[in-house]
């Protein structure tokens, strides 16, 4: 194995320009492009470019190993847990 299991699977399964449903609801996102360092998604109505680094995505199998299903979710309300001045 070359250490890029998620990147290899994604590149073999989907194409740039493809629109896919979100896993948590009725939303959709588009795959904008594949870069050497990240996959770039266009989520939501505004389609804000959102790069997800391959280095982070390729750690998911290790995180999931030996675990059952993990819940995921989304929220349209964001609440700060720290005052902005305390975040470094």
Protein backbone atom coordinates (compact mmCIF):
# COMPACT_ATOMS: atom_id res chain seq x y z
CA UNK A 1 0.00 0.00 0.00
CA UNK A 2 1.33 3.46 -0.84
CA UNK A 3 -0.06 5.34 2.18
CA UNK A 4 -2.75 7.18 0.20
CA UNK A 5 -5.78 4.87 0.52
CA UNK A 6 -8.44 7.58 0.61
CA UNK A 7 -6.90 9.64 -2.17
CA UNK A 8 -6.56 6.56 -4.39
CA UNK A 9 -10.16 5.47 -3.74
CA UNK A 10 -11.59 8.95 -4.36
CA UNK A 11 -9.62 9.49 -7.56
CA UNK A 12 -10.74 6.07 -8.85
CA UNK A 13 -14.41 6.63 -8.01
CA UNK A 14 -15.43 10.23 -8.76
CA UNK A 15 -14.54 12.93 -11.27
CA UNK A 16 -13.96 16.66 -11.11
CA UNK A 17 -17.21 18.46 -11.94
CA UNK A 18 -19.34 15.71 -10.42
CA UNK A 19 -22.18 16.75 -8.08
CA UNK A 20 -22.83 14.50 -5.08
CA UNK A 21 -25.33 14.44 -2.18
CA UNK A 22 -24.14 15.27 1.32
CA UNK A 23 -24.18 12.34 3.74
CA UNK A 24 -26.26 14.22 6.32
CA UNK A 25 -29.16 15.62 4.38
CA UNK A 26 -30.60 17.07 1.20
CA UNK A 27 -27.60 19.24 0.36
CA UNK A 28 -25.21 18.73 -2.52
CA UNK A 29 -21.60 19.56 -3.25
CA UNK A 30 -19.49 19.58 -6.38
CA UNK A 31 -15.97 18.28 -6.78
CA UNK A 32 -14.13 21.29 -8.20
CA UNK A 33 -10.72 19.74 -8.78
CA UNK A 34 -8.08 17.30 -7.68
CA UNK A 35 -4.79 18.90 -6.72
CA UNK A 36 -1.63 17.12 -5.70
CA UNK A 37 -2.14 18.29 -2.09
CA UNK A 38 -5.96 18.35 -1.76
CA UNK A 39 -9.37 17.70 -3.20
CA UNK A 40 -11.33 20.94 -3.63
CA UNK A 41 -15.07 20.84 -2.96
CA UNK A 42 -17.77 23.42 -3.70
CA UNK A 43 -20.39 22.92 -0.96
CA UNK A 44 -23.76 24.61 -0.57
CA UNK A 45 -25.51 27.28 -2.54
CA UNK A 46 -22.52 29.65 -2.42
CA UNK A 47 -20.11 26.94 -3.56
CA UNK A 48 -17.24 28.39 -1.54
CA UNK A 49 -14.01 26.67 -2.58
CA UNK A 50 -13.12 24.26 0.22
CA UNK A 51 -9.82 22.38 -0.08
CA UNK A 52 -9.54 19.19 1.99
CA UNK A 53 -5.89 18.13 2.30
CA UNK A 54 -5.12 14.56 1.24
CA UNK A 55 -2.77 14.33 4.24
CA UNK A 56 -5.78 14.73 6.55
CA UNK A 57 -8.16 12.52 4.56
CA UNK A 58 -5.65 9.67 4.35
CA UNK A 59 -5.60 9.42 8.18
CA UNK A 60 -9.31 8.48 8.31
CA UNK A 61 -8.80 4.70 7.88
CA UNK A 62 -6.43 4.69 10.87
CA UNK A 63 -8.96 6.66 12.92
CA UNK A 64 -11.77 4.24 12.00
CA UNK A 65 -9.80 1.01 12.45
CA UNK A 66 -11.34 -1.15 15.16
CA UNK A 67 -14.35 1.12 15.64
CA UNK A 68 -17.98 0.78 14.78
CA UNK A 69 -19.86 3.36 12.71
CA UNK A 70 -19.22 6.94 13.81
CA UNK A 71 -22.06 9.46 13.69
CA UNK A 72 -21.58 12.59 11.62
CA UNK A 73 -23.73 15.66 11.50
CA UNK A 74 -24.16 19.17 10.33
CA UNK A 75 -25.49 22.31 11.89
CA UNK A 76 -26.52 25.62 10.46
CA UNK A 77 -25.88 27.32 13.81
CA UNK A 78 -22.32 27.98 14.86
CA UNK A 79 -21.58 28.87 18.47
CA UNK A 80 -18.18 30.03 19.67
CA UNK A 81 -16.79 28.17 22.67
CA UNK A 82 -13.95 30.63 23.22
CA UNK A 83 -13.66 34.37 22.93
CA UNK A 84 -11.84 35.20 19.66
CA UNK A 85 -9.07 36.93 21.60
CA UNK A 86 -8.20 33.66 23.39
CA UNK A 87 -7.70 31.61 20.24
CA UNK A 88 -4.07 31.35 19.21
